[in-house]
């Protein structure tokens, strides 16, 4: 095997490893986001709404 072929194979292996790592990381992020969204849906949130009041207008 000549040097150019070896360099090409090493480069291809590195690119493949980086791509695989990126895909695994991206999948892990998506799984974590999905878990966070599910957990957020289970938490009850109590919201109190105040009645609207007319804005104060100074008398002229």
Protein backbone atom coordinates (compact mmCIF):
# COMPACT_ATOMS: atom_id res chain seq x y z
CA UNK A 1 0.00 0.00 0.00
CA UNK A 2 1.41 3.35 -0.99
CA UNK A 3 1.40 6.45 1.20
CA UNK A 4 -1.40 8.22 -0.67
CA UNK A 5 -3.75 5.26 -0.30
CA UNK A 6 -2.95 4.99 3.41
CA UNK A 7 -3.59 8.71 3.91
CA UNK A 8 -6.90 8.42 2.06
CA UNK A 9 -7.99 5.45 4.18
CA UNK A 10 -7.01 7.17 7.43
CA UNK A 11 -8.85 10.32 6.37
CA UNK A 12 -11.94 8.29 5.46
CA UNK A 13 -11.81 6.51 8.82
CA UNK A 14 -11.53 9.84 10.67
CA UNK A 15 -14.41 11.37 8.73
CA UNK A 16 -16.53 8.27 9.38
CA UNK A 17 -15.74 8.39 13.09
CA UNK A 18 -16.59 12.08 13.33
CA UNK A 19 -19.85 11.54 11.43
CA UNK A 20 -20.81 8.61 13.66
CA UNK A 21 -20.03 10.60 16.81
CA UNK A 22 -22.08 13.53 15.50
CA UNK A 23 -25.07 11.31 14.77
CA UNK A 24 -24.91 9.67 18.20
CA UNK A 25 -24.62 13.07 19.89
CA UNK A 26 -27.49 14.52 17.87
CA UNK A 27 -29.68 11.54 18.76
CA UNK A 28 -28.81 11.91 22.44
CA UNK A 29 -29.78 15.59 22.32
CA UNK A 30 -33.11 14.76 20.69
CA UNK A 31 -33.82 12.06 23.29
CA UNK A 32 -33.01 14.48 26.12
CA UNK A 33 -35.26 17.18 24.63
CA UNK A 34 -38.10 14.67 24.27
CA UNK A 35 -37.68 13.56 27.91
CA UNK A 36 -37.64 17.18 29.08
CA UNK A 37 -40.82 17.95 27.14
CA UNK A 38 -42.57 14.90 28.61
CA UNK A 39 -41.49 15.88 32.12
CA UNK A 40 -42.67 19.46 31.59
CA UNK A 41 -46.07 18.24 30.46
CA UNK A 42 -46.52 16.34 33.74
CA UNK A 43 -45.88 19.37 35.95
CA UNK A 44 -49.12 21.20 36.76
CA UNK A 45 -48.89 24.94 36.40
CA UNK A 46 -51.32 27.22 38.18
CA UNK A 47 -51.92 30.55 36.53
CA UNK A 48 -53.99 33.34 38.02
CA UNK A 49 -55.43 35.82 35.60
CA UNK A 50 -56.32 39.28 36.81
CA UNK A 51 -59.32 41.11 35.45
CA UNK A 52 -58.40 43.82 32.99
CA UNK A 53 -58.74 47.35 34.20
CA UNK A 54 -59.24 50.38 32.02
CA UNK A 55 -56.11 52.51 31.74
CA UNK A 56 -56.00 55.54 34.01
CA UNK A 57 -56.75 58.74 32.12
CA UNK A 58 -56.00 62.00 33.85
CA UNK A 59 -58.85 64.47 33.76
CA UNK A 60 -58.19 67.51 31.64
